[in-house]
Protein backbone atom coordinates (compact mmCIF):
# COMPACT_ATOMS: atom_id res chain seq x y z
CA MET A 1 -80.27 -26.41 23.63
CA LYS A 2 -83.01 -24.16 22.64
CA THR A 3 -83.43 -22.60 26.31
CA LEU A 4 -79.51 -21.94 26.09
CA SER A 5 -80.50 -19.96 22.69
CA LYS A 6 -83.59 -18.20 24.14
CA ILE A 7 -81.38 -17.19 27.26
CA ILE A 8 -78.40 -15.84 25.24
CA PHE A 9 -81.31 -14.02 23.09
CA ILE A 10 -82.87 -12.39 26.16
CA SER A 11 -79.40 -11.00 27.69
CA PHE A 12 -78.63 -10.03 24.12
CA VAL A 13 -81.76 -7.92 23.98
CA MET A 14 -81.58 -6.69 27.55
CA PHE A 15 -78.02 -5.47 27.40
CA THR A 16 -78.56 -3.63 24.03
CA ILE A 17 -81.81 -2.14 24.36
CA THR A 18 -82.11 -1.45 27.98
CA PRO A 19 -79.14 1.52 27.80
CA ALA A 20 -80.56 3.33 24.88
CA MET A 21 -83.78 3.32 26.78
CA ALA A 22 -82.38 4.77 29.88
CA LYS A 23 -83.81 7.93 30.55
CA LYS A 24 -81.00 10.77 29.98
CA PRO A 25 -80.53 13.46 32.58
CA THR A 26 -82.18 16.67 31.56
CA THR A 27 -81.04 20.39 32.07
CA THR A 28 -82.87 23.20 31.00
CA PRO A 29 -81.63 25.47 27.90
CA ALA A 30 -80.55 28.51 30.53
CA VAL A 31 -78.55 25.71 32.28
CA GLN A 32 -76.85 24.24 29.27
CA GLN A 33 -76.03 27.54 28.30
CA ALA A 34 -74.41 28.45 31.50
CA ALA A 35 -72.64 25.65 31.30
CA GLU A 36 -70.57 27.02 28.38
CA LYS A 37 -69.63 30.48 29.18
CA VAL A 38 -70.97 33.31 31.18
CA SER A 39 -70.30 37.13 30.67
CA LEU A 40 -68.62 39.05 33.58
CA ASN A 41 -69.91 42.29 32.01
CA ASN A 42 -73.59 41.08 31.62
CA GLY A 43 -73.61 38.07 33.91
CA ASP A 44 -75.76 38.22 37.46
CA ALA A 45 -74.54 36.88 40.50
CA GLN A 46 -76.60 33.80 40.32
CA THR A 47 -75.27 32.98 36.90
CA LEU A 48 -71.75 33.74 37.72
CA ALA A 49 -71.76 31.39 40.92
CA THR A 50 -73.40 28.48 38.89
CA VAL A 51 -70.97 28.68 36.15
CA LEU A 52 -67.85 29.65 37.49
CA LYS A 53 -66.04 26.76 39.29
CA GLY A 54 -64.84 27.96 42.84
CA VAL A 55 -66.75 31.07 42.97
CA GLY A 56 -69.80 30.83 45.22
CA LEU A 57 -72.51 33.09 45.65
CA LYS A 58 -70.74 35.71 47.90
CA ARG A 59 -68.11 35.99 45.26
CA ALA A 60 -70.02 36.46 42.39
CA GLU A 61 -71.69 39.24 44.04
CA ALA A 62 -68.15 40.67 44.22
CA ILE A 63 -67.96 40.50 41.00
CA VAL A 64 -71.12 42.16 40.09
CA SER A 65 -70.31 45.06 42.85
CA TYR A 66 -66.72 45.30 40.96
CA ARG A 67 -68.24 45.83 37.94
CA LYS A 68 -70.58 48.46 38.83
CA ASP A 69 -67.95 50.38 40.51
CA HIS A 70 -64.95 50.18 38.11
CA GLY A 71 -66.98 49.75 34.89
CA PRO A 72 -66.80 46.75 32.35
CA PHE A 73 -63.91 44.29 32.34
CA LYS A 74 -62.13 45.21 29.61
CA ALA A 75 -60.18 42.04 30.12
CA ILE A 76 -60.89 38.32 31.48
CA GLU A 77 -57.65 38.90 33.27
CA ASP A 78 -59.14 42.11 35.22
CA LEU A 79 -60.94 39.39 37.24
CA ALA A 80 -58.42 38.84 39.03
CA ASN A 81 -58.73 42.31 40.44
CA VAL A 82 -62.05 41.11 42.55
CA LYS A 83 -61.24 40.43 45.89
CA GLY A 84 -61.27 36.68 46.53
CA ILE A 85 -60.78 35.98 43.05
CA GLY A 86 -57.20 34.97 42.39
CA VAL A 87 -55.19 34.29 39.34
CA ALA A 88 -55.66 30.97 39.74
CA THR A 89 -59.56 30.94 39.93
CA VAL A 90 -59.24 33.00 36.93
CA GLU A 91 -57.15 30.34 34.69
CA LYS A 92 -59.40 27.36 36.12
CA ASN A 93 -62.14 29.36 34.56
CA ARG A 94 -60.69 30.76 31.53
CA ALA A 95 -62.80 28.49 28.93
CA ARG A 96 -65.90 29.30 31.03
CA ILE A 97 -65.67 33.47 30.53
CA SER A 98 -66.89 36.06 27.91
CA LEU A 99 -66.65 39.53 28.15
């Protein structure tokens, strides 16, 4: 009986303490901030590509180029004017975009 009690106790300790001790993934503050929102008017191509779903580096560079040629974005919807960016991409990323 004592052996069974020890096994139960050890199992309990292992299953309750081990998850608490598990190493959580670490991210840098810049990545944490980037995961939340990115500015269309200030973000660089790499940050835009990292934060926006469905936007790779080439499209992110097109966003920066569009911004240089046409001035700052006035509305999030204006992102759809960039070649290669459609309304669906804008809607999918709306919560991640700021001006």
